[in-house]
Amino acid sequence: MSLTDAPMFVPTSEPIAQLERLGDEIAELSAHVEAATARLLDLIREFDARSGWNNGFRTCAEWLSWRVGLDPGAAREKVRVARALGGLPLLAGALARGELSYAKVRALTRVATPETEARLVTVGRSGTAAHVEQIVRAWRRMDRKVEAREAARQHEGRMLHVYRDDDGSVVLRGRLTPEVGTLLQRALEAAREALYQRNRHERPAHSSANPALDLPTRPQQQADALALLAETALQHALDPGAPGDRYQVVVHVDAPVLADPDQPGESALEHGGCQPRGDAA
């Protein structure tokens, strides 16, 4: 066999080998970062569900912004993704194993459901983060019709039953749209706070040395707050006041979404729940 028939071996230069090792280390460390992010989101979800932020802050995102130093928009997105992953075990597992980046998972959770997440995990593995964003935007265009139908269904399903029980107590059972429900929650929060301040100043001298023992339970506070809302509404002849004086419901909308509903970003009520993008824009 001649020398020209021998296989050619081109040795890899040491600088190139060093760069390849650096690249491998970057990829490995990135996988660890994604796994740590998955754990962080698990903790945020539990903290949020247990209202650990409810010690002077209005939302979990507001607490995160203060405690961790996140931008408010990034904090809201962390909370949104954390909540979504609670019902999307396949996406949560792929993030925890470092198979999908947080950027991909964040995009996919905007459209994923338990029925579609298996397909979306495959989409995430087969493309770049930019590619995933493009697919999510296209998916959203299809979902906007579904979203509109869902909003109409919620509106049609609104109801409130008020009836007397056998002992004379009044029982309430209802279903509200996300916007009206959030408005009611904010009003109840304001009424509870007003009652707390009133009771704190009127607390009798013979009451317990531990103020916490004198507090009614949370359901009792809710009932008292609703009674205060009813009294206040009747005293003011059901006048909601000028628009600027009303207790407002805050909707957080990312700037790109205002310009184009197909752009990545979120449109969400401050205390949870999605807002139809067409309404927000």
Protein backbone atom coordinates (compact mmCIF):
# COMPACT_ATOMS: atom_id res chain seq x y z
CA MET A 1 0.00 0.00 0.00
CA SER A 2 1.39 3.37 -0.94
CA LEU A 3 1.68 6.25 1.43
CA THR A 4 -1.11 8.05 -0.40
CA ASP A 5 -3.57 5.24 0.51
CA ALA A 6 -2.99 5.60 4.27
CA PRO A 7 -5.74 7.36 6.28
CA MET A 8 -5.06 10.98 7.05
CA PHE A 9 -5.11 11.95 10.74
CA VAL A 10 -5.15 15.67 11.40
CA PRO A 11 -4.21 16.26 15.03
CA THR A 12 -6.37 18.78 16.87
CA SER A 13 -4.35 21.74 17.98
CA GLU A 14 -4.30 22.38 21.71
CA PRO A 15 -6.05 25.80 21.50
CA ILE A 16 -8.99 24.20 19.64
CA ALA A 17 -9.18 21.37 22.16
CA GLN A 18 -9.21 23.90 25.00
CA LEU A 19 -12.07 25.80 23.35
CA GLU A 20 -14.04 22.58 22.95
CA ARG A 21 -13.58 21.80 26.62
CA LEU A 22 -14.71 25.33 27.49
CA GLY A 23 -17.79 24.85 25.32
CA ASP A 24 -18.62 21.57 27.03
CA GLU A 25 -18.23 23.17 30.44
CA ILE A 26 -20.52 26.05 29.45
CA ALA A 27 -23.19 23.62 28.25
CA GLU A 28 -22.91 21.51 31.41
CA LEU A 29 -23.06 24.51 33.71
CA SER A 30 -26.04 25.89 31.78
CA ALA A 31 -27.90 22.62 32.39
CA HIS A 32 -27.19 22.99 36.11
CA VAL A 33 -28.48 26.58 36.01
CA GLU A 34 -31.73 25.44 34.37
CA ALA A 35 -32.13 22.73 37.02
CA ALA A 36 -31.59 25.33 39.74
CA THR A 37 -34.14 27.59 38.03
CA ALA A 38 -36.66 24.73 38.09
CA ARG A 39 -36.12 24.37 41.83
CA LEU A 40 -36.47 28.15 42.27
CA LEU A 41 -39.81 28.09 40.44
CA ASP A 42 -41.01 25.23 42.66
CA LEU A 43 -40.20 27.32 45.73
CA ILE A 44 -41.88 30.42 44.28
CA ARG A 45 -45.02 28.42 43.50
CA GLU A 46 -45.24 27.07 47.07
CA PHE A 47 -44.43 30.48 48.59
CA ASP A 48 -47.12 32.08 46.43
CA ALA A 49 -49.73 29.41 47.21
CA ARG A 50 -49.12 29.80 50.94
CA SER A 51 -49.25 33.63 50.68
CA GLY A 52 -45.81 34.02 52.20
CA TRP A 53 -45.61 37.43 50.54
CA ASN A 54 -48.76 38.71 52.26
CA ASN A 55 -46.92 40.68 54.95
CA GLY A 56 -47.17 44.16 53.52
CA PHE A 57 -46.82 43.37 49.83
CA ARG A 58 -49.70 43.26 47.36
CA THR A 59 -48.44 40.36 45.25
CA CYS A 60 -45.81 37.64 45.18
CA ALA A 61 -44.15 39.42 42.25
CA GLU A 62 -43.87 42.62 44.28
CA TRP A 63 -42.23 40.67 47.11
CA LEU A 64 -39.79 39.01 44.67
CA SER A 65 -38.87 42.38 43.24
CA TRP A 66 -38.03 43.61 46.74
CA ARG A 67 -36.37 40.52 48.17
CA VAL A 68 -34.47 39.20 45.14
CA GLY A 69 -34.00 42.44 43.21
CA LEU A 70 -35.84 41.33 40.07
CA ASP A 71 -37.28 43.79 37.62
CA PRO A 72 -41.07 43.97 38.22
CA GLY A 73 -41.81 42.52 34.79
CA ALA A 74 -39.33 39.68 35.28
CA ALA A 75 -40.78 38.99 38.74
CA ARG A 76 -44.32 38.75 37.37
CA GLU A 77 -43.08 36.41 34.66
CA LYS A 78 -41.34 34.18 37.21
CA VAL A 79 -44.58 33.90 39.20
CA ARG A 80 -46.61 33.22 36.04
CA VAL A 81 -44.26 30.46 34.87
CA ALA A 82 -44.09 28.96 38.37
CA ARG A 83 -47.87 28.76 38.57
CA ALA A 84 -48.17 27.33 35.07
CA LEU A 85 -45.60 24.58 35.68
CA GLY A 86 -47.63 23.35 38.62
CA GLY A 87 -50.04 21.85 36.11
CA LEU A 88 -47.50 20.98 33.41
CA PRO A 89 -45.32 18.16 34.79
CA LEU A 90 -43.65 17.30 31.46
CA LEU A 91 -42.38 20.83 30.90
CA ALA A 92 -41.41 21.13 34.57
CA GLY A 93 -39.45 17.87 34.36
CA ALA A 94 -37.66 18.88 31.15
CA LEU A 95 -36.55 22.13 32.80
CA ALA A 96 -35.43 20.33 35.97
CA ARG A 97 -33.31 17.92 33.94
CA GLY A 98 -31.74 20.76 31.96
CA GLU A 99 -33.26 19.49 28.70
CA LEU A 100 -35.10 22.75 28.03
CA SER A 101 -33.91 26.25 28.87
CA TYR A 102 -35.96 28.63 30.99
CA ALA A 103 -36.33 30.86 27.92
CA LYS A 104 -38.02 28.03 26.01
CA VAL A 105 -40.17 26.95 28.93
CA ARG A 106 -41.26 30.53 29.59
CA ALA A 107 -42.46 30.82 26.00
CA LEU A 108 -44.13 27.41 25.92
CA THR A 109 -46.08 27.97 29.14
CA ARG A 110 -47.93 30.81 27.42
CA VAL A 111 -49.83 28.29 25.30
CA ALA A 112 -49.29 24.88 26.92
CA THR A 113 -52.11 22.84 28.41
CA PRO A 114 -51.97 19.35 29.94
CA GLU A 115 -53.28 18.05 26.61
CA THR A 116 -50.69 19.81 24.44
CA GLU A 117 -47.55 19.91 26.59
CA ALA A 118 -46.12 16.61 25.28
CA ARG A 119 -46.08 18.03 21.74
CA LEU A 120 -44.68 21.31 22.96
CA VAL A 121 -41.84 19.59 24.81
CA THR A 122 -40.86 18.02 21.48
CA VAL A 123 -41.04 21.46 19.85
CA GLY A 124 -38.77 22.87 22.55
CA ARG A 125 -36.17 20.14 22.10
CA SER A 126 -36.04 20.49 18.32
CA GLY A 127 -35.53 24.24 17.93
CA THR A 128 -33.76 27.29 19.27
CA ALA A 129 -35.39 29.69 21.72
CA ALA A 130 -36.11 32.08 18.84
CA HIS A 131 -37.70 29.25 16.86
CA VAL A 132 -39.86 28.33 19.85
CA GLU A 133 -41.02 31.95 20.20
CA GLN A 134 -42.09 31.97 16.55
CA ILE A 135 -44.10 28.77 17.01
CA VAL A 136 -45.72 30.13 20.16
CA ARG A 137 -46.75 33.32 18.34
CA ALA A 138 -48.35 31.27 15.57
CA TRP A 139 -50.04 29.04 18.13
CA ARG A 140 -51.40 32.11 19.90
CA ARG A 141 -52.97 33.45 16.72
CA MET A 142 -54.97 30.24 16.57
CA ASP A 143 -55.70 30.38 20.30
CA ARG A 144 -57.04 33.94 20.15
CA LYS A 145 -60.32 32.65 18.75
CA VAL A 146 -60.44 30.07 21.52
CA GLU A 147 -59.61 32.79 24.05
CA ALA A 148 -62.48 34.94 22.80
CA ARG A 149 -64.87 32.01 23.06
CA GLU A 150 -63.61 31.30 26.59
CA ALA A 151 -64.19 34.92 27.63
CA ALA A 152 -67.72 34.75 26.22
CA ARG A 153 -68.32 31.47 28.06
CA GLN A 154 -67.14 33.00 31.34
CA HIS A 155 -69.45 35.97 30.82
CA GLU A 156 -72.41 33.73 30.06
CA GLY A 157 -71.62 31.59 33.09
CA ARG A 158 -71.66 34.44 35.58
CA MET A 159 -74.19 33.92 38.38
CA LEU A 160 -74.90 34.60 42.02
CA HIS A 161 -77.35 32.62 44.17
CA VAL A 162 -78.50 34.14 47.46
CA TYR A 163 -80.83 32.09 49.65
CA ARG A 164 -81.74 31.55 53.30
CA ASP A 165 -80.73 28.42 55.13
CA ASP A 166 -83.02 26.60 57.55
CA ASP A 167 -81.64 28.57 60.51
CA GLY A 168 -82.21 31.91 58.78
CA SER A 169 -78.59 32.46 57.75
CA VAL A 170 -78.02 33.76 54.23
CA VAL A 171 -75.91 31.55 51.96
CA LEU A 172 -74.09 32.85 48.87
CA ARG A 173 -72.86 30.81 45.95
CA GLY A 174 -71.63 32.36 42.74
CA ARG A 175 -69.29 32.51 39.79
CA LEU A 176 -67.78 35.73 38.45
CA THR A 177 -65.68 36.63 35.44
CA PRO A 178 -61.95 37.05 36.21
CA GLU A 179 -62.15 40.86 36.03
CA VAL A 180 -65.21 41.16 38.29
CA GLY A 181 -63.84 38.51 40.63
CA THR A 182 -60.57 40.42 40.99
CA LEU A 183 -62.52 43.63 41.62
CA LEU A 184 -64.46 41.90 44.39
CA GLN A 185 -61.28 40.52 45.93
CA ARG A 186 -59.69 43.97 45.96
CA ALA A 187 -62.83 45.47 47.53
CA LEU A 188 -62.89 42.76 50.22
CA GLU A 189 -59.21 43.38 50.95
CA ALA A 190 -59.89 47.10 51.39
CA ALA A 191 -62.89 46.40 53.63
CA ARG A 192 -60.93 43.91 55.77
CA GLU A 193 -58.17 46.45 56.24
CA ALA A 194 -60.69 49.16 57.20
CA LEU A 195 -62.30 46.84 59.76
CA TYR A 196 -58.91 45.83 61.14
CA GLN A 197 -57.90 49.46 61.67
CA ARG A 198 -61.29 50.24 63.23
CA ASN A 199 -61.12 47.27 65.62
CA ARG A 200 -57.50 47.99 66.53
CA HIS A 201 -58.43 51.44 67.79
CA GLU A 202 -61.60 50.22 69.50
CA ARG A 203 -60.01 47.16 71.13
CA PRO A 204 -61.31 46.96 74.72
CA ALA A 205 -58.91 47.10 77.62
CA HIS A 206 -60.03 43.68 78.97
CA SER A 207 -59.22 41.88 75.73
CA SER A 208 -56.51 39.24 75.50
CA ALA A 209 -52.89 40.27 75.92
CA ASN A 210 -52.24 38.59 72.58
CA PRO A 211 -54.10 40.58 69.86
CA ALA A 212 -53.91 37.61 67.50
CA LEU A 213 -56.25 35.65 69.80
CA ASP A 214 -58.97 38.31 69.40
CA LEU A 215 -58.92 38.27 65.61
CA PRO A 216 -61.79 36.55 63.81
CA THR A 217 -60.98 33.76 61.40
CA ARG A 218 -60.28 34.53 57.74
CA PRO A 219 -63.77 33.39 56.59
CA GLN A 220 -65.32 35.51 59.35
CA GLN A 221 -63.24 38.50 58.21
CA GLN A 222 -64.49 37.94 54.66
CA ALA A 223 -68.10 37.89 55.86
CA ASP A 224 -67.61 41.08 57.89
CA ALA A 225 -65.94 42.76 54.93
CA LEU A 226 -68.84 41.86 52.63
CA ALA A 227 -71.29 43.32 55.15
CA LEU A 228 -69.28 46.55 55.21
CA LEU A 229 -69.33 46.70 51.41
CA ALA A 230 -73.13 46.28 51.39
CA GLU A 231 -73.62 48.99 54.03
CA THR A 232 -71.29 51.39 52.23
CA ALA A 233 -72.98 50.80 48.86
CA LEU A 234 -76.44 51.53 50.29
CA GLN A 235 -75.24 54.60 52.19
CA HIS A 236 -73.87 56.04 48.93
CA ALA A 237 -76.94 55.11 46.88
CA LEU A 238 -74.84 52.63 44.84
CA ASP A 239 -72.83 55.51 43.39
CA PRO A 240 -69.42 54.16 42.27
CA GLY A 241 -67.97 57.67 42.20
CA ALA A 242 -65.73 59.21 39.58
CA PRO A 243 -63.59 56.77 37.56
CA GLY A 244 -60.42 58.02 39.24
CA ASP A 245 -61.89 57.38 42.70
CA ARG A 246 -62.91 53.78 42.09
CA TYR A 247 -60.96 50.89 43.51
CA GLN A 248 -58.98 49.89 40.48
CA VAL A 249 -58.13 46.50 39.02
CA VAL A 250 -54.59 46.54 37.65
CA VAL A 251 -53.77 44.67 34.45
CA HIS A 252 -50.07 44.17 33.71
CA VAL A 253 -49.36 44.20 29.98
CA ASP A 254 -45.88 43.98 28.50
CA ALA A 255 -45.12 46.84 26.11
CA PRO A 256 -44.60 44.64 23.01
CA VAL A 257 -48.06 43.13 23.53
CA LEU A 258 -49.67 46.57 23.43
CA ALA A 259 -48.12 47.19 20.03
CA ASP A 260 -48.77 43.72 18.65
CA PRO A 261 -50.74 40.96 20.44
CA ASP A 262 -48.63 38.34 18.64
CA GLN A 263 -45.42 39.50 20.31
CA PRO A 264 -44.02 37.59 23.31
CA GLY A 265 -45.11 38.89 26.66
CA GLU A 266 -47.98 38.68 29.09
CA SER A 267 -51.34 40.26 29.77
CA ALA A 268 -52.46 39.35 33.27
CA LEU A 269 -54.50 40.63 36.15
CA GLU A 270 -52.31 41.76 39.03
CA HIS A 271 -53.64 39.14 41.45
CA GLY A 272 -53.66 36.27 38.98
CA GLY A 273 -55.64 35.25 35.94
CA CYS A 274 -55.19 35.95 32.28
CA GLN A 275 -56.65 38.93 30.50
CA PRO A 276 -57.69 38.51 26.82
CA ARG A 277 -55.04 40.24 24.78
CA GLY A 278 -57.54 42.04 22.60
CA ASP A 279 -59.12 43.63 25.69
CA ALA A 280 -55.72 44.62 27.08
CA ALA A 281 -54.53 46.16 23.82
